Amino acid sequence: MKPQKAVALHYDGENAPVVSATGQQEVAEQIIAIAREHGIPLYENPELVGVLATLELGDAIPESLYLTIAEIISFAYYIKGKTPDDC
């Protein structure tokens, strides 16, 4: 099944992650393809994407999602064998 929506976040290691891309249908597929090309881990959660998709490009994630997004980022570091100090 193809994704309906996709959201990309940028995390600089110091500030809250911000929305760097968002899209539906073909744009969502392009976001996912670009992430795969660059070895960026993907996390599928339609409910979370639905919330994040309501944000504007450049918006920081809401404080209510800090823990959820922190866990996802932590897992992404782990599967890539990195720590925040490596970045």
Protein backbone atom coordinates (compact mmCIF):
# COMPACT_ATOMS: atom_id res chain seq x y z
CA MET A 1 0.00 0.00 0.00
CA LYS A 2 1.36 3.40 -0.97
CA PRO A 3 1.60 6.12 1.65
CA GLN A 4 -1.10 8.78 1.66
CA LYS A 5 1.04 11.33 3.52
CA ALA A 6 4.65 11.75 4.54
CA VAL A 7 6.47 14.22 6.76
CA ALA A 8 10.21 14.76 7.07
CA LEU A 9 11.77 16.29 10.14
CA HIS A 10 15.14 18.00 10.53
CA TYR A 11 16.92 17.72 13.85
CA ASP A 12 20.11 19.71 14.47
CA GLY A 13 20.85 18.07 17.82
CA GLU A 14 20.20 21.23 19.80
CA ASN A 15 16.74 22.58 19.02
CA ALA A 16 13.38 20.91 18.64
CA PRO A 17 12.99 19.07 15.33
CA VAL A 18 11.30 21.08 12.59
CA VAL A 19 9.15 20.05 9.65
CA SER A 20 11.38 20.05 6.57
CA ALA A 21 8.99 18.44 4.09
CA THR A 22 5.39 17.35 3.96
CA GLY A 23 3.22 16.01 1.20
CA GLN A 24 0.49 13.70 0.02
CA GLN A 25 0.28 11.04 -2.69
CA GLU A 26 3.15 11.49 -5.22
CA VAL A 27 4.92 14.09 -3.07
CA ALA A 28 4.79 11.66 -0.14
CA GLU A 29 6.35 9.00 -2.35
CA GLN A 30 9.10 11.44 -3.36
CA ILE A 31 9.84 12.32 0.26
CA ILE A 32 10.18 8.63 1.08
CA ALA A 33 12.33 7.94 -2.00
CA ILE A 34 14.71 10.79 -1.13
CA ALA A 35 14.98 9.53 2.46
CA ARG A 36 15.82 6.04 1.22
CA GLU A 37 18.42 7.40 -1.24
CA HIS A 38 20.16 9.13 1.65
CA GLY A 39 19.93 6.23 4.09
CA ILE A 40 17.54 8.04 6.39
CA PRO A 41 15.57 5.61 8.56
CA LEU A 42 11.81 5.65 8.01
CA TYR A 43 9.16 5.37 10.69
CA GLU A 44 5.61 4.56 9.70
CA ASN A 45 2.85 5.87 11.93
CA PRO A 46 -0.20 7.30 10.12
CA GLU A 47 -1.59 8.96 13.26
CA LEU A 48 1.68 10.76 13.98
CA VAL A 49 2.03 11.81 10.34
CA GLY A 50 -1.51 13.17 10.48
CA VAL A 51 -0.60 15.40 13.42
CA LEU A 52 2.74 16.49 11.95
CA ALA A 53 1.16 17.20 8.55
CA THR A 54 -0.92 19.97 10.14
CA LEU A 55 2.28 21.93 10.83
CA GLU A 56 3.82 24.38 8.37
CA LEU A 57 7.27 23.94 6.84
CA GLY A 58 9.85 25.19 9.30
CA ASP A 59 7.57 24.78 12.32
CA ALA A 60 9.05 23.09 15.37
CA ILE A 61 7.24 20.02 16.61
CA PRO A 62 4.83 20.77 19.47
CA GLU A 63 6.08 20.15 22.98
CA SER A 64 3.43 17.44 23.42
CA LEU A 65 5.34 15.33 20.84
CA TYR A 66 8.86 15.80 22.26
CA LEU A 67 9.00 12.41 23.97
CA THR A 68 7.53 10.52 21.00
CA ILE A 69 9.87 12.16 18.49
CA ALA A 70 12.86 11.79 20.86
CA GLU A 71 12.23 8.04 21.02
CA ILE A 72 12.07 7.83 17.22
CA ILE A 73 15.27 9.85 16.81
CA SER A 74 16.99 7.75 19.46
CA PHE A 75 15.99 4.56 17.66
CA ALA A 76 17.18 5.98 14.32
CA TYR A 77 20.59 6.73 15.87
CA TYR A 78 20.70 3.24 17.37
CA ILE A 79 19.97 1.38 14.12
CA LYS A 80 22.61 3.48 12.33
CA GLY A 81 25.12 2.73 15.11
CA LYS A 82 25.50 6.40 16.05
CA THR A 83 25.18 8.53 19.13
CA PRO A 84 24.18 12.21 19.20
CA ASP A 85 27.87 13.06 19.75
CA ASP A 86 28.69 11.52 16.35
CA CYS A 87 26.60 14.08 14.50
